[in-house]
Amino acid sequence: MITGERFDNVYLIDVKMFGFTGWCSAYLIVGEKVALIDTGPANSAEVVRAGILKHGFALKDITHILISHIHLDHCGSAGILLKEMPEATVFVHPRVAKHVIDPSIMMENMKREGGGKMAARFGELIPVEASRVRGLSDGEVIELGKGESLKIIFTPGHATSGISIVEEKNSGIFVGDAPGVYLAKENVLIIPSPFGSDLKQAMESLKKLMEIPAKLFYFGHFGFCDTPKEILKIALGKMERYWEIATKTMEENKTSEEIVNRIVAENSSTVEQFKQRGDGLYEYFIEELIPMWARGFANYYMKQRQG
């Protein structure tokens, strides 16, 4: 397990999402140019700003902001930070560039799916000028200089806007949430399945990542991982397990609500050790995240079954 906040030219920023440490990541990757990978939620902007400065860089040094996927915990503070990044452009999956320019739909979706309380917790998104947003192409390479380049791989599933970013120098991949939530300290991997996610598509994306000879993963939740192949195998197994649970439930003539209950039970035992943190992360998972993800998966499964 890699500890610390730096691996060669990759710098970890703990965005302290909702006040939790070791939960949500942003990264700096440095060549001749400096890229910021993900930004944390809107109300973490000052934390990200401080993290950039802590690592010895100024905000004006940032030339690229790459967004792994358009969920509020990964793109929320882009508009705020750009005010101090005159040279920076935001790079995203092309189908969601419009949502960076006008984030109102993202905010409405969060209110609908997570409730007003959760939406408020993320803070208000600031629109980004269209001239400062660019859609990416699958397979595109961005040169940062000094032997560092970033290759874009479209990895939909967790989100339709999902991209993974292969960095050349260390054979690492910024995977966002594509393989799930992995907290190395607790050695816990959970498959989030928010509304709009596609489990079958996610599995295909992980198989694509499996073919890349990566030595490191940089997770959106949370930090460095030096066992990428092992994590991918575990993630694929857990995704297959979700499908098996849902299929068995339907074979027993149960309702979709029972799928929700069984997915909640499956994941609740996994996060038991979060109780030891004593910071409220366990309660956040049990009371909000796991039930929301379970409903997202049940909704997806029933649509697949009916289709």
C-alpha atoms as a PDB file:
ATOM      1  CA  MET A   1       0.000   0.000   0.000  1.00  0.00           C
ATOM      2  CA  ILE A   2       1.314   3.437  -0.974  1.00  0.00           C
ATOM      3  CA  THR A   3       1.013   6.024   1.790  1.00  0.00           C
ATOM      4  CA  GLY A   4       1.676   9.746   1.688  1.00  0.00           C
ATOM      5  CA  GLU A   5       0.517  12.478  -0.643  1.00  0.00           C
ATOM      6  CA  ARG A   6       2.982  12.142  -3.508  1.00  0.00           C
ATOM      7  CA  PHE A   7       4.158   9.519  -5.960  1.00  0.00           C
ATOM      8  CA  ASP A   8       6.852  10.975  -8.209  1.00  0.00           C
ATOM      9  CA  ASN A   9       5.101  13.733 -10.204  1.00  0.00           C
ATOM     10  CA  VAL A  10       1.599  12.888  -8.981  1.00  0.00           C
ATOM     11  CA  TYR A  11       0.316  14.784  -5.953  1.00  0.00           C
ATOM     12  CA  LEU A  12      -2.738  13.767  -3.938  1.00  0.00           C
ATOM     13  CA  ILE A  13      -5.123  16.378  -2.581  1.00  0.00           C
ATOM     14  CA  ASP A  14      -7.598  15.233   0.061  1.00  0.00           C
ATOM     15  CA  VAL A  15     -10.603  17.449  -0.653  1.00  0.00           C
ATOM     16  CA  LYS A  16     -12.088  16.648   2.791  1.00  0.00           C
ATOM     17  CA  MET A  17     -15.529  16.195   1.273  1.00  0.00           C
ATOM     18  CA  PHE A  18     -18.229  16.902   3.885  1.00  0.00           C
ATOM     19  CA  GLY A  19     -15.437  17.119   6.461  1.00  0.00           C
ATOM     20  CA  PHE A  20     -14.303  13.495   6.034  1.00  0.00           C
ATOM     21  CA  THR A  21     -10.579  12.825   5.584  1.00  0.00           C
ATOM     22  CA  GLY A  22      -9.412  10.014   3.342  1.00  0.00           C
ATOM     23  CA  TRP A  23     -12.665   9.948   1.411  1.00  0.00           C
ATOM     24  CA  CYS A  24     -12.457  11.998  -1.805  1.00  0.00           C
ATOM     25  CA  SER A  25      -9.415  12.803  -3.935  1.00  0.00           C
ATOM     26  CA  ALA A  26      -8.189  15.342  -6.431  1.00  0.00           C
ATOM     27  CA  TYR A  27      -4.729  15.154  -7.978  1.00  0.00           C
ATOM     28  CA  LEU A  28      -2.036  17.281  -9.533  1.00  0.00           C
ATOM     29  CA  ILE A  29       0.121  15.743 -12.238  1.00  0.00           C
ATOM     30  CA  VAL A  30       3.162  17.699 -13.291  1.00  0.00           C
ATOM     31  CA  GLY A  31       5.239  17.916 -16.451  1.00  0.00           C
ATOM     32  CA  GLU A  32       6.220  21.206 -18.043  1.00  0.00           C
ATOM     33  CA  LYS A  33       2.505  21.897 -17.657  1.00  0.00           C
ATOM     34  CA  VAL A  34       0.390  21.161 -14.608  1.00  0.00           C
ATOM     35  CA  ALA A  35      -2.951  19.348 -14.718  1.00  0.00           C
ATOM     36  CA  LEU A  36      -5.568  19.073 -11.994  1.00  0.00           C
ATOM     37  CA  ILE A  37      -7.525  15.826 -12.082  1.00  0.00           C
ATOM     38  CA  ASP A  38     -11.000  16.367 -10.590  1.00  0.00           C
ATOM     39  CA  THR A  39     -11.862  19.255  -8.312  1.00  0.00           C
ATOM     40  CA  GLY A  40     -13.955  17.958  -5.431  1.00  0.00           C
ATOM     41  CA  PRO A  41     -17.405  19.436  -4.653  1.00  0.00           C
ATOM     42  CA  ALA A  42     -18.089  23.161  -4.775  1.00  0.00           C
ATOM     43  CA  ASN A  43     -17.784  23.600  -1.028  1.00  0.00           C
ATOM     44  CA  SER A  44     -14.328  21.994  -1.073  1.00  0.00           C
ATOM     45  CA  ALA A  45     -12.862  24.673  -3.359  1.00  0.00           C
ATOM     46  CA  GLU A  46     -10.851  26.338  -0.581  1.00  0.00           C
ATOM     47  CA  VAL A  47      -9.495  22.956   0.547  1.00  0.00           C
ATOM     48  CA  VAL A  48      -8.372  22.161  -3.003  1.00  0.00           C
ATOM     49  CA  ARG A  49      -6.865  25.626  -3.330  1.00  0.00           C
ATOM     50  CA  ALA A  50      -4.912  25.081  -0.108  1.00  0.00           C
ATOM     51  CA  GLY A  51      -3.804  21.649  -1.314  1.00  0.00           C
ATOM     52  CA  ILE A  52      -2.377  23.087  -4.517  1.00  0.00           C
ATOM     53  CA  LEU A  53      -0.439  25.689  -2.550  1.00  0.00           C
ATOM     54  CA  LYS A  54       0.713  23.102  -0.007  1.00  0.00           C
ATOM     55  CA  HIS A  55       2.306  21.063  -2.795  1.00  0.00           C
ATOM     56  CA  GLY A  56       4.287  24.103  -3.922  1.00  0.00           C
ATOM     57  CA  PHE A  57       2.228  25.278  -6.878  1.00  0.00           C
ATOM     58  CA  ALA A  58       0.218  28.393  -7.563  1.00  0.00           C
ATOM     59  CA  LEU A  59      -3.285  28.245  -9.005  1.00  0.00           C
ATOM     60  CA  LYS A  60      -2.056  30.191 -12.023  1.00  0.00           C
ATOM     61  CA  ASP A  61       0.300  27.273 -12.794  1.00  0.00           C
ATOM     62  CA  ILE A  62      -2.639  24.990 -13.672  1.00  0.00           C
ATOM     63  CA  THR A  63      -3.137  24.640 -17.432  1.00  0.00           C
ATOM     64  CA  HIS A  64      -5.562  21.705 -17.571  1.00  0.00           C
ATOM     65  CA  ILE A  65      -8.484  20.553 -15.431  1.00  0.00           C
ATOM     66  CA  LEU A  66      -9.593  17.050 -16.378  1.00  0.00           C
ATOM     67  CA  ILE A  67     -12.878  15.741 -14.994  1.00  0.00           C
ATOM     68  CA  SER A  68     -13.160  11.956 -14.567  1.00  0.00           C
ATOM     69  CA  HIS A  69     -16.966  12.140 -14.654  1.00  0.00           C
ATOM     70  CA  ILE A  70     -19.704  14.667 -14.111  1.00  0.00           C
ATOM     71  CA  HIS A  71     -20.773  13.950 -10.553  1.00  0.00           C
ATOM     72  CA  LEU A  72     -20.801  16.853  -8.133  1.00  0.00           C
ATOM     73  CA  ASP A  73     -18.088  15.423  -5.886  1.00  0.00           C
ATOM     74  CA  HIS A  74     -15.641  15.366  -8.803  1.00  0.00           C
ATOM     75  CA  CYS A  75     -16.419  18.497 -10.810  1.00  0.00           C
ATOM     76  CA  GLY A  76     -18.189  20.832  -8.389  1.00  0.00           C
ATOM     77  CA  SER A  77     -15.507  23.428  -7.684  1.00  0.00           C
ATOM     78  CA  ALA A  78     -14.195  23.801 -11.262  1.00  0.00           C
ATOM     79  CA  GLY A  79     -15.977  27.108 -11.872  1.00  0.00           C
ATOM     80  CA  ILE A  80     -14.747  28.544  -8.583  1.00  0.00           C
ATOM     81  CA  LEU A  81     -11.114  27.505  -9.039  1.00  0.00           C
ATOM     82  CA  LEU A  82     -10.945  28.727 -12.642  1.00  0.00           C
ATOM     83  CA  LYS A  83     -11.238  32.302 -11.417  1.00  0.00           C
ATOM     84  CA  GLU A  84      -7.616  31.992 -10.247  1.00  0.00           C
ATOM     85  CA  MET A  85      -6.425  29.821 -13.154  1.00  0.00           C
ATOM     86  CA  PRO A  86      -6.208  32.167 -16.147  1.00  0.00           C
ATOM     87  CA  GLU A  87      -4.441  29.614 -18.378  1.00  0.00           C
ATOM     88  CA  ALA A  88      -6.615  26.611 -17.559  1.00  0.00           C
ATOM     89  CA  THR A  89      -9.155  24.812 -19.729  1.00  0.00           C
ATOM     90  CA  VAL A  90     -11.641  22.232 -18.450  1.00  0.00           C
ATOM     91  CA  PHE A  91     -11.561  18.915 -20.323  1.00  0.00           C
ATOM     92  CA  VAL A  92     -14.565  16.569 -20.050  1.00  0.00           C
ATOM     93  CA  HIS A  93     -16.423  13.849 -21.907  1.00  0.00           C
ATOM     94  CA  PRO A  94     -18.029  15.636 -24.890  1.00  0.00           C
ATOM     95  CA  ARG A  95     -21.591  14.615 -24.065  1.00  0.00           C
ATOM     96  CA  VAL A  96     -21.528  16.556 -20.775  1.00  0.00           C
ATOM     97  CA  ALA A  97     -19.528  19.657 -21.669  1.00  0.00           C
ATOM     98  CA  LYS A  98     -22.838  21.556 -21.765  1.00  0.00           C
ATOM     99  CA  HIS A  99     -23.443  20.703 -18.099  1.00  0.00           C
ATOM    100  CA  VAL A 100     -20.163  22.332 -17.067  1.00  0.00           C
ATOM    101  CA  ILE A 101     -21.215  25.441 -18.966  1.00  0.00           C
ATOM    102  CA  ASP A 102     -24.716  25.340 -17.434  1.00  0.00           C
ATOM    103  CA  PRO A 103     -24.737  23.166 -14.279  1.00  0.00           C
ATOM    104  CA  SER A 104     -28.401  23.747 -13.424  1.00  0.00           C
ATOM    105  CA  ILE A 105     -29.509  20.326 -14.699  1.00  0.00           C
ATOM    106  CA  MET A 106     -26.853  18.592 -12.589  1.00  0.00           C
ATOM    107  CA  MET A 107     -28.104  20.388  -9.506  1.00  0.00           C
ATOM    108  CA  GLU A 108     -31.730  19.475 -10.252  1.00  0.00           C
ATOM    109  CA  ASN A 109     -30.788  15.822 -10.778  1.00  0.00           C
ATOM    110  CA  MET A 110     -29.019  15.724  -7.427  1.00  0.00           C
ATOM    111  CA  LYS A 111     -32.033  17.239  -5.674  1.00  0.00           C
ATOM    112  CA  ARG A 112     -34.308  14.666  -7.292  1.00  0.00           C
ATOM    113  CA  GLU A 113     -32.122  11.628  -6.618  1.00  0.00           C
ATOM    114  CA  GLY A 114     -30.468  12.502  -3.324  1.00  0.00           C
ATOM    115  CA  GLY A 115     -32.879  15.026  -1.870  1.00  0.00           C
ATOM    116  CA  GLY A 116     -32.491  18.717  -1.133  1.00  0.00           C
ATOM    117  CA  LYS A 117     -30.407  18.068   1.985  1.00  0.00           C
ATOM    118  CA  MET A 118     -27.755  16.162   0.050  1.00  0.00           C
ATOM    119  CA  ALA A 119     -27.739  18.664  -2.823  1.00  0.00           C
ATOM    120  CA  ALA A 120     -27.229  21.564  -0.417  1.00  0.00           C
ATOM    121  CA  ARG A 121     -24.292  19.766   1.138  1.00  0.00           C
ATOM    122  CA  PHE A 122     -22.402  19.877  -2.166  1.00  0.00           C
ATOM    123  CA  GLY A 123     -22.663  23.642  -2.516  1.00  0.00           C
ATOM    124  CA  GLU A 124     -23.651  25.725  -5.539  1.00  0.00           C
ATOM    125  CA  LEU A 125     -21.922  25.150  -8.865  1.00  0.00           C
ATOM    126  CA  ILE A 126     -20.633  28.122 -10.821  1.00  0.00           C
ATOM    127  CA  PRO A 127     -21.017  28.009 -14.622  1.00  0.00           C
ATOM    128  CA  VAL A 128     -17.850  27.863 -16.727  1.00  0.00           C
ATOM    129  CA  GLU A 129     -17.469  29.990 -19.856  1.00  0.00           C
ATOM    130  CA  ALA A 130     -17.968  27.908 -22.998  1.00  0.00           C
ATOM    131  CA  SER A 131     -14.611  29.103 -24.360  1.00  0.00           C
ATOM    132  CA  ARG A 132     -12.879  27.408 -21.411  1.00  0.00           C
ATOM    133  CA  VAL A 133     -14.496  23.978 -21.823  1.00  0.00           C
ATOM    134  CA  ARG A 134     -13.413  21.323 -24.320  1.00  0.00           C
ATOM    135  CA  GLY A 135     -14.820  17.898 -25.038  1.00  0.00           C
ATOM    136  CA  LEU A 136     -12.340  15.028 -25.182  1.00  0.00           C
ATOM    137  CA  SER A 137     -11.986  12.226 -27.730  1.00  0.00           C
ATOM    138  CA  ASP A 138     -11.553   8.554 -26.858  1.00  0.00           C
ATOM    139  CA  GLY A 139      -7.847   7.746 -27.276  1.00  0.00           C
ATOM    140  CA  GLU A 140      -6.793  11.395 -27.313  1.00  0.00           C
ATOM    141  CA  VAL A 141      -3.347  12.169 -25.872  1.00  0.00           C
ATOM    142  CA  ILE A 142      -2.535  15.356 -23.969  1.00  0.00           C
ATOM    143  CA  GLU A 143       1.180  16.161 -23.732  1.00  0.00           C
ATOM    144  CA  LEU A 144       2.299  17.730 -20.463  1.00  0.00           C
ATOM    145  CA  GLY A 145       6.031  17.630 -21.242  1.00  0.00           C
ATOM    146  CA  LYS A 146       9.026  16.228 -19.341  1.00  0.00           C
ATOM    147  CA  GLY A 147       8.105  12.696 -20.383  1.00  0.00           C
ATOM    148  CA  GLU A 148       4.536  12.917 -19.149  1.00  0.00           C
ATOM    149  CA  SER A 149       1.428  12.485 -21.264  1.00  0.00           C
ATOM    150  CA  LEU A 150      -2.200  11.706 -20.543  1.00  0.00           C
ATOM    151  CA  LYS A 151      -4.181   9.298 -22.721  1.00  0.00           C
ATOM    152  CA  ILE A 152      -7.952   9.462 -22.501  1.00  0.00           C
ATOM    153  CA  ILE A 153      -9.924   6.215 -22.300  1.00  0.00           C
ATOM    154  CA  PHE A 154     -13.706   6.391 -22.274  1.00  0.00           C
ATOM    155  CA  THR A 155     -14.920   4.159 -19.421  1.00  0.00           C
ATOM    156  CA  PRO A 156     -18.685   4.601 -19.065  1.00  0.00           C
ATOM    157  CA  GLY A 157     -20.706   2.651 -16.520  1.00  0.00           C
ATOM    158  CA  HIS A 158     -20.561   4.361 -13.162  1.00  0.00           C
ATOM    159  CA  ALA A 159     -21.411   7.455 -15.194  1.00  0.00           C
ATOM    160  CA  THR A 160     -22.080   7.856 -18.905  1.00  0.00           C
ATOM    161  CA  SER A 161     -19.480  10.639 -18.831  1.00  0.00           C
ATOM    162  CA  GLY A 162     -16.798   8.415 -17.318  1.00  0.00           C
ATOM    163  CA  ILE A 163     -13.228   8.689 -18.543  1.00  0.00           C
ATOM    164  CA  SER A 164     -10.030   7.131 -17.274  1.00  0.00           C
ATOM    165  CA  ILE A 165      -6.724   8.896 -17.768  1.00  0.00           C
ATOM    166  CA  VAL A 166      -3.568   6.892 -18.406  1.00  0.00           C
ATOM    167  CA  GLU A 167      -0.414   8.723 -17.386  1.00  0.00           C
ATOM    168  CA  GLU A 168       2.723   7.560 -19.155  1.00  0.00           C
ATOM    169  CA  LYS A 169       5.543   8.293 -16.742  1.00  0.00           C
ATOM    170  CA  ASN A 170       4.469   6.002 -13.881  1.00  0.00           C
ATOM    171  CA  SER A 171       2.170   3.664 -15.835  1.00  0.00           C
ATOM    172  CA  GLY A 172      -0.702   4.890 -13.689  1.00  0.00           C
ATOM    173  CA  ILE A 173      -4.395   5.407 -14.398  1.00  0.00           C
ATOM    174  CA  PHE A 174      -6.711   7.988 -12.890  1.00  0.00           C
ATOM    175  CA  VAL A 175      -9.797   5.778 -12.725  1.00  0.00           C
ATOM    176  CA  GLY A 176     -12.293   8.075 -11.037  1.00  0.00           C
ATOM    177  CA  ASP A 177     -15.053   5.823  -9.681  1.00  0.00           C
ATOM    178  CA  ALA A 178     -15.001   3.331 -12.579  1.00  0.00           C
ATOM    179  CA  PRO A 179     -13.898   0.322 -10.440  1.00  0.00           C
ATOM    180  CA  GLY A 180     -15.821   1.568  -7.427  1.00  0.00           C
ATOM    181  CA  VAL A 181     -14.925   3.174  -4.122  1.00  0.00           C
ATOM    182  CA  TYR A 182     -11.658   1.815  -2.721  1.00  0.00           C
ATOM    183  CA  LEU A 183     -10.370   2.941   0.659  1.00  0.00           C
ATOM    184  CA  ALA A 184      -6.908   1.426   0.959  1.00  0.00           C
ATOM    185  CA  LYS A 185      -6.519   2.180   4.656  1.00  0.00           C
ATOM    186  CA  GLU A 186      -9.538   0.026   5.454  1.00  0.00           C
ATOM    187  CA  ASN A 187      -8.979  -2.236   2.417  1.00  0.00           C
ATOM    188  CA  VAL A 188     -12.633  -1.833   1.466  1.00  0.00           C
ATOM    189  CA  LEU A 189     -14.016  -1.850  -2.075  1.00  0.00           C
ATOM    190  CA  ILE A 190     -17.672  -0.965  -2.680  1.00  0.00           C
ATOM    191  CA  ILE A 191     -19.494  -0.699  -5.994  1.00  0.00           C
ATOM    192  CA  PRO A 192     -21.509   2.524  -6.124  1.00  0.00           C
ATOM    193  CA  SER A 193     -24.525   2.353  -8.435  1.00  0.00           C
ATOM    194  CA  PRO A 194     -26.131   5.782  -8.514  1.00  0.00           C
ATOM    195  CA  PHE A 195     -29.165   6.477 -10.683  1.00  0.00           C
ATOM    196  CA  GLY A 196     -28.028   6.645 -14.306  1.00  0.00           C
ATOM    197  CA  SER A 197     -25.256   4.092 -13.859  1.00  0.00           C
ATOM    198  CA  ASP A 198     -25.047   0.994 -16.063  1.00  0.00           C
ATOM    199  CA  LEU A 199     -23.568  -2.114 -14.435  1.00  0.00           C
ATOM    200  CA  LYS A 200     -23.072  -4.085 -17.642  1.00  0.00           C
ATOM    201  CA  GLN A 201     -21.362  -1.127 -19.270  1.00  0.00           C
ATOM    202  CA  ALA A 202     -19.206  -0.677 -16.167  1.00  0.00           C
ATOM    203  CA  MET A 203     -18.042  -4.295 -16.403  1.00  0.00           C
ATOM    204  CA  GLU A 204     -17.035  -3.803 -20.032  1.00  0.00           C
ATOM    205  CA  SER A 205     -15.061  -0.712 -19.053  1.00  0.00           C
ATOM    206  CA  LEU A 206     -13.219  -2.640 -16.341  1.00  0.00           C
ATOM    207  CA  LYS A 207     -12.326  -5.344 -18.852  1.00  0.00           C
ATOM    208  CA  LYS A 208     -10.895  -2.596 -21.045  1.00  0.00           C
ATOM    209  CA  LEU A 209      -8.800  -1.306 -18.124  1.00  0.00           C
ATOM    210  CA  MET A 210      -7.639  -4.853 -17.404  1.00  0.00           C
ATOM    211  CA  GLU A 211      -5.886  -4.895 -20.792  1.00  0.00           C
ATOM    212  CA  ILE A 212      -3.740  -1.868 -19.914  1.00  0.00           C
ATOM    213  CA  PRO A 213      -0.408  -2.741 -18.219  1.00  0.00           C
ATOM    214  CA  ALA A 214      -0.926  -0.360 -15.311  1.00  0.00           C
ATOM    215  CA  LYS A 215       1.186  -0.346 -12.165  1.00  0.00           C
ATOM    216  CA  LEU A 216      -0.941   2.145 -10.244  1.00  0.00           C
ATOM    217  CA  PHE A 217      -4.523   3.334  -9.939  1.00  0.00           C
ATOM    218  CA  TYR A 218      -5.388   6.782  -8.655  1.00  0.00           C
ATOM    219  CA  PHE A 219      -8.901   6.529  -7.213  1.00  0.00           C
ATOM    220  CA  GLY A 220     -11.489   9.275  -6.898  1.00  0.00           C
ATOM    221  CA  HIS A 221     -12.335   7.625  -3.547  1.00  0.00           C
ATOM    222  CA  PHE A 222      -9.573   7.438  -2.346  1.00  0.00           C
ATOM    223  CA  GLY A 223      -5.902   7.759  -3.166  1.00  0.00           C
ATOM    224  CA  PHE A 224      -3.178   5.514  -4.577  1.00  0.00           C
ATOM    225  CA  CYS A 225      -3.490   1.780  -5.255  1.00  0.00           C
ATOM    226  CA  ASP A 226      -0.524  -0.373  -6.311  1.00  0.00           C
ATOM    227  CA  THR A 227      -2.538  -3.565  -6.943  1.00  0.00           C
ATOM    228  CA  PRO A 228      -4.672  -2.531  -9.925  1.00  0.00           C
ATOM    229  CA  LYS A 229      -5.257  -5.972 -11.461  1.00  0.00           C
ATOM    230  CA  GLU A 230      -6.319  -7.477  -8.143  1.00  0.00           C
ATOM    231  CA  ILE A 231      -8.731  -4.610  -7.507  1.00  0.00           C
ATOM    232  CA  LEU A 232     -10.258  -4.968 -10.962  1.00  0.00           C
ATOM    233  CA  LYS A 233     -10.876  -8.674 -10.384  1.00  0.00           C
ATOM    234  CA  ILE A 234     -12.546  -7.961  -7.045  1.00  0.00           C
ATOM    235  CA  ALA A 235     -14.654  -5.192  -8.576  1.00  0.00           C
ATOM    236  CA  LEU A 236     -15.825  -7.421 -11.425  1.00  0.00           C
ATOM    237  CA  GLY A 237     -16.722 -10.126  -8.911  1.00  0.00           C
ATOM    238  CA  LYS A 238     -18.773  -7.695  -6.851  1.00  0.00           C
ATOM    239  CA  MET A 239     -20.600  -6.431  -9.931  1.00  0.00           C
ATOM    240  CA  GLU A 240     -21.437  -9.990 -10.930  1.00  0.00           C
ATOM    241  CA  ARG A 241     -22.646 -10.569  -7.359  1.00  0.00           C
ATOM    242  CA  TYR A 242     -25.096  -7.634  -7.654  1.00  0.00           C
ATOM    243  CA  TRP A 243     -26.570  -9.207 -10.768  1.00  0.00           C
ATOM    244  CA  GLU A 244     -26.841 -12.615  -9.105  1.00  0.00           C
ATOM    245  CA  ILE A 245     -28.616 -11.128  -6.075  1.00  0.00           C
ATOM    246  CA  ALA A 246     -31.148  -9.329  -8.256  1.00  0.00           C
ATOM    247  CA  THR A 247     -31.767 -12.336 -10.497  1.00  0.00           C
ATOM    248  CA  LYS A 248     -32.288 -14.683  -7.537  1.00  0.00           C
ATOM    249  CA  THR A 249     -34.659 -12.190  -5.950  1.00  0.00           C
ATOM    250  CA  MET A 250     -36.806 -12.055  -9.060  1.00  0.00           C
ATOM    251  CA  GLU A 251     -36.751 -15.849  -9.411  1.00  0.00           C
ATOM    252  CA  GLU A 252     -38.242 -15.970  -5.907  1.00  0.00           C
ATOM    253  CA  ASN A 253     -41.066 -13.707  -7.112  1.00  0.00           C
ATOM    254  CA  LYS A 254     -39.998 -10.908  -4.805  1.00  0.00           C
ATOM    255  CA  THR A 255     -40.342  -7.197  -5.577  1.00  0.00           C
ATOM    256  CA  SER A 256     -37.684  -4.702  -6.601  1.00  0.00           C
ATOM    257  CA  GLU A 257     -37.798  -3.395  -3.027  1.00  0.00           C
ATOM    258  CA  GLU A 258     -36.342  -6.713  -1.903  1.00  0.00           C
ATOM    259  CA  ILE A 259     -33.447  -6.184  -4.342  1.00  0.00           C
ATOM    260  CA  VAL A 260     -32.825  -2.903  -2.551  1.00  0.00           C
ATOM    261  CA  ASN A 261     -32.911  -4.617   0.847  1.00  0.00           C
ATOM    262  CA  ARG A 262     -30.489  -7.335  -0.201  1.00  0.00           C
ATOM    263  CA  ILE A 263     -27.996  -4.947  -1.831  1.00  0.00           C
ATOM    264  CA  VAL A 264     -28.127  -2.799   1.307  1.00  0.00           C
ATOM    265  CA  ALA A 265     -27.411  -5.875   3.447  1.00  0.00           C
ATOM    266  CA  GLU A 266     -24.568  -6.932   1.140  1.00  0.00           C
ATOM    267  CA  ASN A 267     -22.810  -3.590   1.494  1.00  0.00           C
ATOM    268  CA  SER A 268     -23.681  -2.751   5.085  1.00  0.00           C
ATOM    269  CA  SER A 269     -21.520  -5.555   6.433  1.00  0.00           C
ATOM    270  CA  THR A 270     -18.645  -4.381   4.239  1.00  0.00           C
ATOM    271  CA  VAL A 271     -18.492  -0.946   5.856  1.00  0.00           C
ATOM    272  CA  GLU A 272     -18.735  -2.124   9.483  1.00  0.00           C
ATOM    273  CA  GLN A 273     -15.103  -1.269  10.083  1.00  0.00           C
ATOM    274  CA  PHE A 274     -15.789   2.386   9.254  1.00  0.00           C
ATOM    275  CA  LYS A 275     -17.273   2.612  12.746  1.00  0.00           C
ATOM    276  CA  GLN A 276     -13.715   2.681  14.086  1.00  0.00           C
ATOM    277  CA  ARG A 277     -13.105   6.005  12.343  1.00  0.00           C
ATOM    278  CA  GLY A 278     -15.599   7.729  14.624  1.00  0.00           C
ATOM    279  CA  ASP A 279     -16.032  10.603  12.173  1.00  0.00           C
ATOM    280  CA  GLY A 280     -19.529   9.899  10.861  1.00  0.00           C
ATOM    281  CA  LEU A 281     -18.472   8.255   7.577  1.00  0.00           C
ATOM    282  CA  TYR A 282     -20.058   4.969   8.651  1.00  0.00           C
ATOM    283  CA  GLU A 283     -23.380   6.687   9.337  1.00  0.00           C
ATOM    284  CA  TYR A 284     -23.160   8.545   6.006  1.00  0.00           C
ATOM    285  CA  PHE A 285     -22.795   5.218   4.197  1.00  0.00           C
ATOM    286  CA  ILE A 286     -25.517   3.406   6.140  1.00  0.00           C
ATOM    287  CA  GLU A 287     -28.097   6.181   6.181  1.00  0.00           C
ATOM    288  CA  GLU A 288     -27.565   7.782   2.779  1.00  0.00           C
ATOM    289  CA  LEU A 289     -25.101   6.315   0.294  1.00  0.00           C
ATOM    290  CA  ILE A 290     -25.801   2.589   0.446  1.00  0.00           C
ATOM    291  CA  PRO A 291     -29.626   2.929   0.308  1.00  0.00           C
ATOM    292  CA  MET A 292     -29.356   5.438  -2.557  1.00  0.00           C
ATOM    293  CA  TRP A 293     -26.959   3.220  -4.527  1.00  0.00           C
ATOM    294  CA  ALA A 294     -29.118   0.134  -3.883  1.00  0.00           C
ATOM    295  CA  ARG A 295     -32.164   1.919  -5.274  1.00  0.00           C
ATOM    296  CA  GLY A 296     -30.141   3.064  -8.254  1.00  0.00           C
ATOM    297  CA  PHE A 297     -29.105  -0.500  -9.035  1.00  0.00           C
ATOM    298  CA  ALA A 298     -32.596  -1.925  -8.496  1.00  0.00           C
ATOM    299  CA  ASN A 299     -34.014   0.699 -10.833  1.00  0.00           C
ATOM    300  CA  TYR A 300     -31.402  -0.182 -13.466  1.00  0.00           C
ATOM    301  CA  TYR A 301     -31.915  -3.930 -13.109  1.00  0.00           C
ATOM    302  CA  MET A 302     -35.677  -3.723 -13.488  1.00  0.00           C
ATOM    303  CA  LYS A 303     -35.336  -1.613 -16.629  1.00  0.00           C
ATOM    304  CA  GLN A 304     -32.900  -4.176 -18.056  1.00  0.00           C
ATOM    305  CA  ARG A 305     -35.273  -6.998 -17.166  1.00  0.00           C
ATOM    306  CA  GLN A 306     -38.246  -5.284 -18.758  1.00  0.00           C
ATOM    307  CA  GLY A 307     -36.220  -4.385 -21.837  1.00  0.00           C
END
